[in-house]
Amino acid sequence: MVILVAAHSAAVGIALTAFPEWATSFAGFGPVHPLFLARQAGVFHLVLATGYLIDLRRGSVALLVTAKSIAAVFLAASYFGGAPGWAIPFSAAGDALMGLSAGWLARSTARR
C-alpha cells in the first residue's frame, strides 16, 4: 500500500517538475506562472514519496498519514473556498482515502 502511495506521489512530482504547464492545465488550473512554483510543488511530492519509503523501512506510516491528512483538509477547504480546478475535490478524496487506508492497515497489522 505504501509503495503504491509513494508511486502516486512520485508520478505527480515528476509531472509537475518535468511538465508543469501540461500538469497544471490537465488538472484544470490553466497556466501557472512562474513555473518555479509548480516545479517546487513537484519536488515536494518527490521528497514526500521518498519520505514515505524511508518511513516504511522503519516500520511506520506516520509521515504518510500526517501528510495525507493535512493535504485532504487543505484541498477540501480550498475546494469549498472556491478554488478552481476539477482535480481538487478528487485529490482531497484520494488523499483522505490513502491516509485512512494506510492508518487502518498499520493498526490492523500492529494488533497481530
Protein backbone atom coordinates (compact mmCIF):
# COMPACT_ATOMS: atom_id res chain seq x y z
CA MET A 1 0.00 0.00 0.00
CA VAL A 2 2.72 2.49 0.97
CA ILE A 3 4.64 1.67 -2.20
CA LEU A 4 1.56 2.48 -4.30
CA VAL A 5 1.03 5.78 -2.48
CA ALA A 6 4.71 6.64 -2.92
CA ALA A 7 4.48 5.78 -6.63
CA HIS A 8 1.43 8.04 -6.97
CA SER A 9 3.24 10.92 -5.23
CA ALA A 10 6.33 10.35 -7.37
CA ALA A 11 4.21 10.38 -10.57
CA VAL A 12 2.58 13.67 -9.55
CA GLY A 13 6.01 15.02 -8.64
CA ILE A 14 7.55 14.05 -11.96
CA ALA A 15 4.62 15.52 -13.89
CA LEU A 16 4.80 18.83 -12.03
CA THR A 17 8.60 19.02 -12.20
CA ALA A 18 9.15 17.91 -15.79
CA PHE A 19 5.90 19.05 -17.43
CA PRO A 20 4.47 21.82 -15.24
CA GLU A 21 2.43 23.54 -17.95
CA TRP A 22 0.80 20.29 -19.05
CA ALA A 23 0.20 19.08 -15.47
CA THR A 24 -1.44 22.28 -14.28
CA SER A 25 -3.56 22.60 -17.42
CA PHE A 26 -4.64 18.95 -17.16
CA ALA A 27 -5.75 19.49 -13.55
CA GLY A 28 -7.89 22.44 -14.61
CA PHE A 29 -5.74 25.27 -13.29
CA GLY A 30 -4.65 26.70 -16.61
CA PRO A 31 -1.27 28.37 -16.97
CA VAL A 32 0.75 28.80 -13.80
CA HIS A 33 3.40 31.48 -13.64
CA PRO A 34 6.10 31.41 -12.62
CA LEU A 35 6.68 27.76 -13.46
CA PHE A 36 9.03 27.59 -10.50
CA LEU A 37 6.04 27.26 -8.15
CA ALA A 38 4.64 24.22 -9.97
CA ARG A 39 8.11 22.67 -10.16
CA GLN A 40 8.66 23.34 -6.46
CA ALA A 41 5.38 21.52 -5.70
CA GLY A 42 6.64 18.66 -7.86
CA VAL A 43 9.91 18.40 -5.96
CA PHE A 44 7.93 18.49 -2.70
CA HIS A 45 5.91 15.47 -3.92
CA LEU A 46 9.16 13.65 -4.73
CA VAL A 47 10.52 14.43 -1.25
CA LEU A 48 7.34 13.09 0.34
CA ALA A 49 7.41 9.92 -1.78
CA THR A 50 10.96 9.30 -0.63
CA GLY A 51 9.98 10.01 2.98
CA TYR A 52 7.10 7.51 2.79
CA LEU A 53 9.53 4.79 1.71
CA ILE A 54 12.10 5.67 4.36
CA ASP A 55 9.34 5.65 6.99
CA LEU A 56 8.13 2.27 5.73
CA ARG A 57 11.63 0.81 6.15
CA ARG A 58 11.45 1.93 9.77
CA GLY A 59 8.08 0.23 10.18
CA SER A 60 6.00 3.41 10.28
CA VAL A 61 3.40 5.20 8.20
CA ALA A 62 3.31 8.31 10.40
CA LEU A 63 4.59 10.67 7.70
CA LEU A 64 2.16 9.31 5.12
CA VAL A 65 -0.88 9.55 7.41
CA THR A 66 0.11 13.04 8.58
CA ALA A 67 0.83 14.39 5.09
CA LYS A 68 -2.33 12.92 3.57
CA SER A 69 -4.48 14.22 6.44
CA ILE A 70 -3.12 17.74 6.09
CA ALA A 71 -3.44 17.59 2.30
CA ALA A 72 -7.04 16.37 2.46
CA VAL A 73 -8.06 19.17 4.84
CA PHE A 74 -6.24 21.80 2.77
CA LEU A 75 -7.72 20.58 -0.51
CA ALA A 76 -11.25 20.32 0.89
CA ALA A 77 -11.01 23.83 2.36
CA SER A 78 -9.66 25.12 -0.95
CA TYR A 79 -12.47 23.47 -2.90
CA PHE A 80 -15.19 24.82 -0.60
CA GLY A 81 -13.45 28.19 -0.69
CA GLY A 82 -13.95 28.32 -4.46
CA ALA A 83 -10.52 27.38 -5.79
CA PRO A 84 -10.58 26.46 -9.48
CA GLY A 85 -9.51 23.11 -10.85
CA TRP A 86 -11.58 19.99 -11.36
CA ALA A 87 -8.85 17.89 -9.71
CA ILE A 88 -9.18 19.48 -6.27
CA PRO A 89 -12.16 17.51 -4.88
CA PHE A 90 -10.83 14.26 -6.36
CA SER A 91 -7.40 14.90 -4.88
CA ALA A 92 -8.96 15.67 -1.49
CA ALA A 93 -10.93 12.43 -1.54
CA GLY A 94 -7.95 10.44 -2.82
CA ASP A 95 -5.61 11.82 -0.17
CA ALA A 96 -8.17 11.13 2.56
CA LEU A 97 -8.62 7.55 1.35
CA MET A 98 -4.87 6.95 1.08
CA GLY A 99 -4.23 8.29 4.57
CA LEU A 100 -7.13 6.43 6.16
CA SER A 101 -6.22 3.18 4.39
CA ALA A 102 -2.58 3.36 5.42
CA GLY A 103 -3.50 4.16 9.01
CA TRP A 104 -6.10 1.38 9.16
CA LEU A 105 -3.74 -1.20 7.65
CA ALA A 106 -0.95 -0.19 10.04
CA ARG A 107 -3.26 -0.51 13.05
CA SER A 108 -4.65 -3.86 11.95
CA THR A 109 -1.19 -5.35 11.38
CA ALA A 110 0.09 -3.96 14.69
CA ARG A 111 -2.66 -5.83 16.55
CA ARG A 112 -1.45 -9.19 15.28
